[in-house]
Amino acid sequence: MEQVVVTVTGMDKIGIMAAVSTVLAERQVNILDVSQTILRGFFSMVMVVDISMANVDLRTLQTLLADKGREIGMQINAQHEDVFRFMHRV
């Protein structure tokens, strides 16, 4: 399993989950876990996904997600789990 952490932030609107999950599904990326919250209209979501069966590499997936984010007015980032853990260690 090759896990990636996907973060999505921005103002809440209809269709965020659908837009992100469509990009992932079209690339054969499996969603393992999702946490999302809305605080005073501000949307935040963190997904852990498995890219081991993906039909694109991580860099391409990062670009596709960032492009989708711009299209829907959200900030979408994807980081390999190892990088995410290193950046957020205590």
PDB file of N, CA and C in Angstrom:
ATOM      1  N   MET A   1       0.843  -1.176   0.000  1.00  0.00           N
ATOM      2  CA  MET A   1       0.000   0.000   0.000  1.00  0.00           C
ATOM      3  C   MET A   1       0.889   1.241   0.000  1.00  0.00           C
ATOM      4  N   GLU A   2       0.541   2.202  -0.826  1.00  0.00           N
ATOM      5  CA  GLU A   2       1.265   3.476  -0.882  1.00  0.00           C
ATOM      6  C   GLU A   2       0.272   4.583  -0.563  1.00  0.00           C
ATOM      7  N   GLN A   3       0.394   5.131   0.647  1.00  0.00           N
ATOM      8  CA  GLN A   3      -0.604   6.082   1.112  1.00  0.00           C
ATOM      9  C   GLN A   3      -0.190   7.524   0.877  1.00  0.00           C
ATOM     10  N   VAL A   4      -1.198   8.321   0.543  1.00  0.00           N
ATOM     11  CA  VAL A   4      -1.035   9.744   0.288  1.00  0.00           C
ATOM     12  C   VAL A   4      -2.098  10.474   1.101  1.00  0.00           C
ATOM     13  N   VAL A   5      -1.737  11.636   1.649  1.00  0.00           N
ATOM     14  CA  VAL A   5      -2.670  12.475   2.384  1.00  0.00           C
ATOM     15  C   VAL A   5      -3.106  13.617   1.462  1.00  0.00           C
ATOM     16  N   VAL A   6      -4.420  13.717   1.267  1.00  0.00           N
ATOM     17  CA  VAL A   6      -5.007  14.766   0.426  1.00  0.00           C
ATOM     18  C   VAL A   6      -5.731  15.736   1.346  1.00  0.00           C
ATOM     19  N   THR A   7      -5.410  17.024   1.240  1.00  0.00           N
ATOM     20  CA  THR A   7      -6.098  18.043   2.030  1.00  0.00           C
ATOM     21  C   THR A   7      -6.844  18.981   1.103  1.00  0.00           C
ATOM     22  N   VAL A   8      -8.038  19.364   1.535  1.00  0.00           N
ATOM     23  CA  VAL A   8      -8.904  20.246   0.745  1.00  0.00           C
ATOM     24  C   VAL A   8      -9.411  21.333   1.678  1.00  0.00           C
ATOM     25  N   THR A   9      -9.194  22.593   1.319  1.00  0.00           N
ATOM     26  CA  THR A   9      -9.680  23.704   2.139  1.00  0.00           C
ATOM     27  C   THR A   9     -10.268  24.798   1.256  1.00  0.00           C
ATOM     28  N   GLY A  10     -11.195  25.531   1.837  1.00  0.00           N
ATOM     29  CA  GLY A  10     -11.823  26.648   1.128  1.00  0.00           C
ATOM     30  C   GLY A  10     -13.213  26.902   1.682  1.00  0.00           C
ATOM     31  N   MET A  11     -13.929  27.778   1.036  1.00  0.00           N
ATOM     32  CA  MET A  11     -15.296  28.086   1.446  1.00  0.00           C
ATOM     33  C   MET A  11     -16.211  26.937   1.036  1.00  0.00           C
ATOM     34  N   ASP A  12     -17.123  26.577   1.932  1.00  0.00           N
ATOM     35  CA  ASP A  12     -18.017  25.455   1.684  1.00  0.00           C
ATOM     36  C   ASP A  12     -18.939  25.732   0.498  1.00  0.00           C
ATOM     37  N   LYS A  13     -19.169  24.678  -0.276  1.00  0.00           N
ATOM     38  CA  LYS A  13     -20.095  24.751  -1.406  1.00  0.00           C
ATOM     39  C   LYS A  13     -20.515  23.340  -1.771  1.00  0.00           C
ATOM     40  N   ILE A  14     -21.522  23.213  -2.528  1.00  0.00           N
ATOM     41  CA  ILE A  14     -22.017  21.903  -2.965  1.00  0.00           C
ATOM     42  C   ILE A  14     -21.041  21.282  -3.962  1.00  0.00           C
ATOM     43  N   GLY A  15     -20.794  19.985  -3.809  1.00  0.00           N
ATOM     44  CA  GLY A  15     -20.049  19.232  -4.803  1.00  0.00           C
ATOM     45  C   GLY A  15     -18.566  19.049  -4.568  1.00  0.00           C
ATOM     46  N   ILE A  16     -18.057  19.505  -3.437  1.00  0.00           N
ATOM     47  CA  ILE A  16     -16.614  19.377  -3.182  1.00  0.00           C
ATOM     48  C   ILE A  16     -16.200  17.912  -3.145  1.00  0.00           C
ATOM     49  N   MET A  17     -16.879  17.133  -2.316  1.00  0.00           N
ATOM     50  CA  MET A  17     -16.542  15.714  -2.183  1.00  0.00           C
ATOM     51  C   MET A  17     -16.681  15.002  -3.534  1.00  0.00           C
ATOM     52  N   ALA A  18     -17.710  15.314  -4.269  1.00  0.00           N
ATOM     53  CA  ALA A  18     -17.926  14.686  -5.580  1.00  0.00           C
ATOM     54  C   ALA A  18     -16.789  15.020  -6.539  1.00  0.00           C
ATOM     55  N   ALA A  19     -16.368  16.264  -6.561  1.00  0.00           N
ATOM     56  CA  ALA A  19     -15.302  16.680  -7.479  1.00  0.00           C
ATOM     57  C   ALA A  19     -13.984  15.983  -7.157  1.00  0.00           C
ATOM     58  N   VAL A  20     -13.630  15.955  -5.882  1.00  0.00           N
ATOM     59  CA  VAL A  20     -12.362  15.347  -5.477  1.00  0.00           C
ATOM     60  C   VAL A  20     -12.405  13.833  -5.680  1.00  0.00           C
ATOM     61  N   SER A  21     -13.480  13.198  -5.246  1.00  0.00           N
ATOM     62  CA  SER A  21     -13.554  11.740  -5.369  1.00  0.00           C
ATOM     63  C   SER A  21     -13.618  11.293  -6.827  1.00  0.00           C
ATOM     64  N   THR A  22     -14.170  12.113  -7.705  1.00  0.00           N
ATOM     65  CA  THR A  22     -14.192  11.777  -9.135  1.00  0.00           C
ATOM     66  C   THR A  22     -12.779  11.769  -9.699  1.00  0.00           C
ATOM     67  N   VAL A  23     -11.983  12.777  -9.376  1.00  0.00           N
ATOM     68  CA  VAL A  23     -10.585  12.811  -9.836  1.00  0.00           C
ATOM     69  C   VAL A  23      -9.864  11.555  -9.366  1.00  0.00           C
ATOM     70  N   LEU A  24     -10.063  11.191  -8.106  1.00  0.00           N
ATOM     71  CA  LEU A  24      -9.390  10.020  -7.550  1.00  0.00           C
ATOM     72  C   LEU A  24      -9.869   8.727  -8.209  1.00  0.00           C
ATOM     73  N   ALA A  25     -11.168   8.558  -8.343  1.00  0.00           N
ATOM     74  CA  ALA A  25     -11.721   7.325  -8.915  1.00  0.00           C
ATOM     75  C   ALA A  25     -11.279   7.131 -10.361  1.00  0.00           C
ATOM     76  N   GLU A  26     -11.237   8.209 -11.129  1.00  0.00           N
ATOM     77  CA  GLU A  26     -10.825   8.113 -12.533  1.00  0.00           C
ATOM     78  C   GLU A  26      -9.369   7.687 -12.665  1.00  0.00           C
ATOM     79  N   ARG A  27      -8.582   7.850 -11.597  1.00  0.00           N
ATOM     80  CA  ARG A  27      -7.161   7.473 -11.618  1.00  0.00           C
ATOM     81  C   ARG A  27      -6.906   6.198 -10.828  1.00  0.00           C
ATOM     82  N   GLN A  28      -7.971   5.487 -10.464  1.00  0.00           N
ATOM     83  CA  GLN A  28      -7.866   4.217  -9.727  1.00  0.00           C
ATOM     84  C   GLN A  28      -7.215   4.387  -8.358  1.00  0.00           C
ATOM     85  N   VAL A  29      -7.509   5.516  -7.713  1.00  0.00           N
ATOM     86  CA  VAL A  29      -7.005   5.799  -6.370  1.00  0.00           C
ATOM     87  C   VAL A  29      -8.103   5.426  -5.369  1.00  0.00           C
ATOM     88  N   ASN A  30      -7.745   4.627  -4.376  1.00  0.00           N
ATOM     89  CA  ASN A  30      -8.708   4.153  -3.392  1.00  0.00           C
ATOM     90  C   ASN A  30      -8.716   5.063  -2.167  1.00  0.00           C
ATOM     91  N   ILE A  31      -9.897   5.541  -1.785  1.00  0.00           N
ATOM     92  CA  ILE A  31     -10.046   6.361  -0.582  1.00  0.00           C
ATOM     93  C   ILE A  31     -10.132   5.426   0.619  1.00  0.00           C
ATOM     94  N   LEU A  32      -9.199   5.588   1.562  1.00  0.00           N
ATOM     95  CA  LEU A  32      -9.148   4.734   2.746  1.00  0.00           C
ATOM     96  C   LEU A  32      -9.856   5.353   3.941  1.00  0.00           C
ATOM     97  N   ASP A  33      -9.745   6.665   4.083  1.00  0.00           N
ATOM     98  CA  ASP A  33     -10.328   7.346   5.240  1.00  0.00           C
ATOM     99  C   ASP A  33     -10.579   8.799   4.882  1.00  0.00           C
ATOM    100  N   VAL A  34     -11.620   9.371   5.475  1.00  0.00           N
ATOM    101  CA  VAL A  34     -11.977  10.766   5.217  1.00  0.00           C
ATOM    102  C   VAL A  34     -12.411  11.419   6.521  1.00  0.00           C
ATOM    103  N   SER A  35     -11.943  12.634   6.736  1.00  0.00           N
ATOM    104  CA  SER A  35     -12.419  13.458   7.836  1.00  0.00           C
ATOM    105  C   SER A  35     -12.693  14.838   7.269  1.00  0.00           C
ATOM    106  N   GLN A  36     -13.863  15.361   7.566  1.00  0.00           N
ATOM    107  CA  GLN A  36     -14.157  16.705   7.065  1.00  0.00           C
ATOM    108  C   GLN A  36     -14.949  17.469   8.110  1.00  0.00           C
ATOM    109  N   THR A  37     -14.825  18.782   8.034  1.00  0.00           N
ATOM    110  CA  THR A  37     -15.568  19.645   8.943  1.00  0.00           C
ATOM    111  C   THR A  37     -15.869  20.962   8.245  1.00  0.00           C
ATOM    112  N   ILE A  38     -16.887  21.618   8.730  1.00  0.00           N
ATOM    113  CA  ILE A  38     -17.246  22.954   8.248  1.00  0.00           C
ATOM    114  C   ILE A  38     -17.336  23.847   9.476  1.00  0.00           C
ATOM    115  N   LEU A  39     -16.557  24.899   9.472  1.00  0.00           N
ATOM    116  CA  LEU A  39     -16.525  25.827  10.591  1.00  0.00           C
ATOM    117  C   LEU A  39     -16.822  27.222  10.074  1.00  0.00           C
ATOM    118  N   ARG A  40     -18.012  27.719  10.400  1.00  0.00           N
ATOM    119  CA  ARG A  40     -18.439  29.051   9.956  1.00  0.00           C
ATOM    120  C   ARG A  40     -18.290  29.228   8.451  1.00  0.00           C
ATOM    121  N   GLY A  41     -18.665  28.208   7.711  1.00  0.00           N
ATOM    122  CA  GLY A  41     -18.634  28.281   6.259  1.00  0.00           C
ATOM    123  C   GLY A  41     -17.309  27.905   5.628  1.00  0.00           C
ATOM    124  N   PHE A  42     -16.297  27.635   6.456  1.00  0.00           N
ATOM    125  CA  PHE A  42     -14.985  27.246   5.943  1.00  0.00           C
ATOM    126  C   PHE A  42     -14.897  25.729   5.959  1.00  0.00           C
ATOM    127  N   PHE A  43     -14.640  25.138   4.801  1.00  0.00           N
ATOM    128  CA  PHE A  43     -14.603  23.693   4.623  1.00  0.00           C
ATOM    129  C   PHE A  43     -13.168  23.194   4.736  1.00  0.00           C
ATOM    130  N   SER A  44     -13.008  22.086   5.453  1.00  0.00           N
ATOM    131  CA  SER A  44     -11.697  21.451   5.576  1.00  0.00           C
ATOM    132  C   SER A  44     -11.896  19.937   5.506  1.00  0.00           C
ATOM    133  N   MET A  45     -11.120  19.274   4.648  1.00  0.00           N
ATOM    134  CA  MET A  45     -11.211  17.828   4.521  1.00  0.00           C
ATOM    135  C   MET A  45      -9.815  17.241   4.411  1.00  0.00           C
ATOM    136  N   VAL A  46      -9.615  16.121   5.084  1.00  0.00           N
ATOM    137  CA  VAL A  46      -8.377  15.362   4.976  1.00  0.00           C
ATOM    138  C   VAL A  46      -8.758  13.947   4.563  1.00  0.00           C
ATOM    139  N   MET A  47      -8.105  13.446   3.524  1.00  0.00           N
ATOM    140  CA  MET A  47      -8.335  12.088   3.047  1.00  0.00           C
ATOM    141  C   MET A  47      -7.017  11.337   3.070  1.00  0.00           C
ATOM    142  N   VAL A  48      -7.075  10.072   3.423  1.00  0.00           N
ATOM    143  CA  VAL A  48      -5.933   9.187   3.260  1.00  0.00           C
ATOM    144  C   VAL A  48      -6.325   8.250   2.125  1.00  0.00           C
ATOM    145  N   VAL A  49      -5.483   8.208   1.098  1.00  0.00           N
ATOM    146  CA  VAL A  49      -5.785   7.415  -0.090  1.00  0.00           C
ATOM    147  C   VAL A  49      -4.631   6.473  -0.400  1.00  0.00           C
ATOM    148  N   ASP A  50      -4.953   5.414  -1.124  1.00  0.00           N
ATOM    149  CA  ASP A  50      -3.950   4.433  -1.544  1.00  0.00           C
ATOM    150  C   ASP A  50      -3.742   4.595  -3.051  1.00  0.00           C
ATOM    151  N   ILE A  51      -2.497   4.901  -3.441  1.00  0.00           N
ATOM    152  CA  ILE A  51      -2.210   5.110  -4.863  1.00  0.00           C
ATOM    153  C   ILE A  51      -1.463   3.930  -5.484  1.00  0.00           C
ATOM    154  N   SER A  52      -1.390   2.805  -4.768  1.00  0.00           N
ATOM    155  CA  SER A  52      -0.602   1.682  -5.282  1.00  0.00           C
ATOM    156  C   SER A  52      -1.159   1.099  -6.577  1.00  0.00           C
ATOM    157  N   MET A  53      -2.433   1.265  -6.860  1.00  0.00           N
ATOM    158  CA  MET A  53      -3.037   0.771  -8.098  1.00  0.00           C
ATOM    159  C   MET A  53      -3.360   1.905  -9.079  1.00  0.00           C
ATOM    160  N   ALA A  54      -2.910   3.115  -8.766  1.00  0.00           N
ATOM    161  CA  ALA A  54      -3.233   4.284  -9.592  1.00  0.00           C
ATOM    162  C   ALA A  54      -2.647   4.159 -10.993  1.00  0.00           C
ATOM    163  N   ASN A  55      -3.341   4.755 -11.944  1.00  0.00           N
ATOM    164  CA  ASN A  55      -2.875   4.749 -13.328  1.00  0.00           C
ATOM    165  C   ASN A  55      -2.083   6.019 -13.670  1.00  0.00           C
ATOM    166  N   VAL A  56      -1.731   6.799 -12.642  1.00  0.00           N
ATOM    167  CA  VAL A  56      -0.863   7.974 -12.791  1.00  0.00           C
ATOM    168  C   VAL A  56       0.116   7.982 -11.621  1.00  0.00           C
ATOM    169  N   ASP A  57       1.225   8.718 -11.774  1.00  0.00           N
ATOM    170  CA  ASP A  57       2.167   8.831 -10.660  1.00  0.00           C
ATOM    171  C   ASP A  57       1.717   9.945  -9.713  1.00  0.00           C
ATOM    172  N   LEU A  58       2.383  10.043  -8.570  1.00  0.00           N
ATOM    173  CA  LEU A  58       1.994  11.020  -7.554  1.00  0.00           C
ATOM    174  C   LEU A  58       2.072  12.441  -8.080  1.00  0.00           C
ATOM    175  N   ARG A  59       3.117  12.780  -8.788  1.00  0.00           N
ATOM    176  CA  ARG A  59       3.253  14.154  -9.290  1.00  0.00           C
ATOM    177  C   ARG A  59       2.091  14.527 -10.209  1.00  0.00           C
ATOM    178  N   THR A  60       1.695  13.618 -11.087  1.00  0.00           N
ATOM    179  CA  THR A  60       0.560  13.874 -11.979  1.00  0.00           C
ATOM    180  C   THR A  60      -0.719  14.025 -11.176  1.00  0.00           C
ATOM    181  N   LEU A  61      -0.910  13.160 -10.185  1.00  0.00           N
ATOM    182  CA  LEU A  61      -2.102  13.252  -9.341  1.00  0.00           C
ATOM    183  C   LEU A  61      -2.132  14.585  -8.601  1.00  0.00           C
ATOM    184  N   GLN A  62      -0.988  15.030  -8.097  1.00  0.00           N
ATOM    185  CA  GLN A  62      -0.921  16.320  -7.418  1.00  0.00           C
ATOM    186  C   GLN A  62      -1.367  17.448  -8.350  1.00  0.00           C
ATOM    187  N   THR A  63      -0.911  17.407  -9.585  1.00  0.00           N
ATOM    188  CA  THR A  63      -1.274  18.427 -10.563  1.00  0.00           C
ATOM    189  C   THR A  63      -2.766  18.378 -10.876  1.00  0.00           C
ATOM    190  N   LEU A  64      -3.289  17.184 -11.091  1.00  0.00           N
ATOM    191  CA  LEU A  64      -4.711  17.032 -11.401  1.00  0.00           C
ATOM    192  C   LEU A  64      -5.582  17.545 -10.255  1.00  0.00           C
ATOM    193  N   LEU A  65      -5.211  17.219  -9.027  1.00  0.00           N
ATOM    194  CA  LEU A  65      -5.981  17.689  -7.877  1.00  0.00           C
ATOM    195  C   LEU A  65      -5.870  19.209  -7.707  1.00  0.00           C
ATOM    196  N   ALA A  66      -4.688  19.750  -7.881  1.00  0.00           N
ATOM    197  CA  ALA A  66      -4.516  21.205  -7.779  1.00  0.00           C
ATOM    198  C   ALA A  66      -5.337  21.917  -8.853  1.00  0.00           C
ATOM    199  N   ASP A  67      -5.335  21.371 -10.067  1.00  0.00           N
ATOM    200  CA  ASP A  67      -6.136  21.949 -11.156  1.00  0.00           C
ATOM    201  C   ASP A  67      -7.624  21.902 -10.822  1.00  0.00           C
ATOM    202  N   LYS A  68      -8.085  20.772 -10.286  1.00  0.00           N
ATOM    203  CA  LYS A  68      -9.497  20.649  -9.899  1.00  0.00           C
ATOM    204  C   LYS A  68      -9.813  21.643  -8.792  1.00  0.00           C
ATOM    205  N   GLY A  69      -8.888  21.831  -7.869  1.00  0.00           N
ATOM    206  CA  GLY A  69      -9.078  22.803  -6.806  1.00  0.00           C
ATOM    207  C   GLY A  69      -9.280  24.211  -7.351  1.00  0.00           C
ATOM    208  N   ARG A  70      -8.432  24.609  -8.281  1.00  0.00           N
ATOM    209  CA  ARG A  70      -8.592  25.930  -8.890  1.00  0.00           C
ATOM    210  C   ARG A  70      -9.941  26.036  -9.599  1.00  0.00           C
ATOM    211  N   GLU A  71     -10.344  24.974 -10.259  1.00  0.00           N
ATOM    212  CA  GLU A  71     -11.613  24.959 -10.997  1.00  0.00           C
ATOM    213  C   GLU A  71     -12.810  25.167 -10.065  1.00  0.00           C
ATOM    214  N   ILE A  72     -12.758  24.580  -8.866  1.00  0.00           N
ATOM    215  CA  ILE A  72     -13.895  24.682  -7.949  1.00  0.00           C
ATOM    216  C   ILE A  72     -13.677  25.702  -6.830  1.00  0.00           C
ATOM    217  N   GLY A  73     -12.576  26.438  -6.886  1.00  0.00           N
ATOM    218  CA  GLY A  73     -12.313  27.485  -5.902  1.00  0.00           C
ATOM    219  C   GLY A  73     -11.847  26.968  -4.550  1.00  0.00           C
ATOM    220  N   MET A  74     -11.111  25.846  -4.571  1.00  0.00           N
ATOM    221  CA  MET A  74     -10.599  25.252  -3.336  1.00  0.00           C
ATOM    222  C   MET A  74      -9.087  25.081  -3.453  1.00  0.00           C
ATOM    223  N   GLN A  75      -8.437  24.886  -2.331  1.00  0.00           N
ATOM    224  CA  GLN A  75      -7.009  24.553  -2.293  1.00  0.00           C
ATOM    225  C   GLN A  75      -6.913  23.057  -2.047  1.00  0.00           C
ATOM    226  N   ILE A  76      -6.322  22.307  -2.985  1.00  0.00           N
ATOM    227  CA  ILE A  76      -6.185  20.859  -2.821  1.00  0.00           C
ATOM    228  C   ILE A  76      -4.711  20.497  -2.941  1.00  0.00           C
ATOM    229  N   ASN A  77      -4.213  19.806  -1.920  1.00  0.00           N
ATOM    230  CA  ASN A  77      -2.827  19.354  -1.892  1.00  0.00           C
ATOM    231  C   ASN A  77      -2.783  17.855  -1.652  1.00  0.00           C
ATOM    232  N   ALA A  78      -1.760  17.211  -2.176  1.00  0.00           N
ATOM    233  CA  ALA A  78      -1.546  15.781  -1.933  1.00  0.00           C
ATOM    234  C   ALA A  78      -0.076  15.577  -1.605  1.00  0.00           C
ATOM    235  N   GLN A  79       0.173  14.894  -0.497  1.00  0.00           N
ATOM    236  CA  GLN A  79       1.545  14.612  -0.066  1.00  0.00           C
ATOM    237  C   GLN A  79       1.663  13.137   0.270  1.00  0.00           C
ATOM    238  N   HIS A  80       2.788  12.564  -0.073  1.00  0.00           N
ATOM    239  CA  HIS A  80       3.034  11.183   0.322  1.00  0.00           C
ATOM    240  C   HIS A  80       2.985  11.116   1.840  1.00  0.00           C
ATOM    241  N   GLU A  81       2.458  10.031   2.365  1.00  0.00           N
ATOM    242  CA  GLU A  81       2.302   9.873   3.809  1.00  0.00           C
ATOM    243  C   GLU A  81       3.614  10.112   4.561  1.00  0.00           C
ATOM    244  N   ASP A  82       4.721   9.644   4.031  1.00  0.00           N
ATOM    245  CA  ASP A  82       6.016   9.814   4.704  1.00  0.00           C
ATOM    246  C   ASP A  82       6.379  11.290   4.836  1.00  0.00           C
ATOM    247  N   VAL A  83       6.149  12.065   3.797  1.00  0.00           N
ATOM    248  CA  VAL A  83       6.436  13.500   3.827  1.00  0.00           C
ATOM    249  C   VAL A  83       5.512  14.183   4.822  1.00  0.00           C
ATOM    250  N   PHE A  84       4.230  13.828   4.776  1.00  0.00           N
ATOM    251  CA  PHE A  84       3.251  14.410   5.686  1.00  0.00           C
ATOM    252  C   PHE A  84       3.640  14.137   7.144  1.00  0.00           C
ATOM    253  N   ARG A  85       3.992  12.888   7.441  1.00  0.00           N
ATOM    254  CA  ARG A  85       4.388  12.534   8.808  1.00  0.00           C
ATOM    255  C   ARG A  85       5.642  13.299   9.251  1.00  0.00           C
ATOM    256  N   PHE A  86       6.631  13.431   8.357  1.00  0.00           N
ATOM    257  CA  PHE A  86       7.849  14.141   8.689  1.00  0.00           C
ATOM    258  C   PHE A  86       7.570  15.611   8.973  1.00  0.00           C
ATOM    259  N   MET A  87       6.722  16.229   8.164  1.00  0.00           N
ATOM    260  CA  MET A  87       6.409  17.644   8.322  1.00  0.00           C
ATOM    261  C   MET A  87       5.604  17.927   9.581  1.00  0.00           C
ATOM    262  N   HIS A  88       4.849  16.940  10.075  1.00  0.00           N
ATOM    263  CA  HIS A  88       3.956  17.167  11.205  1.00  0.00           C
ATOM    264  C   HIS A  88       4.362  16.401  12.462  1.00  0.00           C
ATOM    265  N   ARG A  89       5.636  16.038  12.537  1.00  0.00           N
ATOM    266  CA  ARG A  89       6.088  15.342  13.732  1.00  0.00           C
ATOM    267  C   ARG A  89       6.237  16.328  14.882  1.00  0.00           C
ATOM    268  N   VAL A  90       6.092  15.805  16.083  1.00  0.00           N
ATOM    269  CA  VAL A  90       6.165  16.654  17.281  1.00  0.00           C
ATOM    270  C   VAL A  90       7.520  16.493  17.922  1.00  0.00           C
TER     271      VAL A  90
END
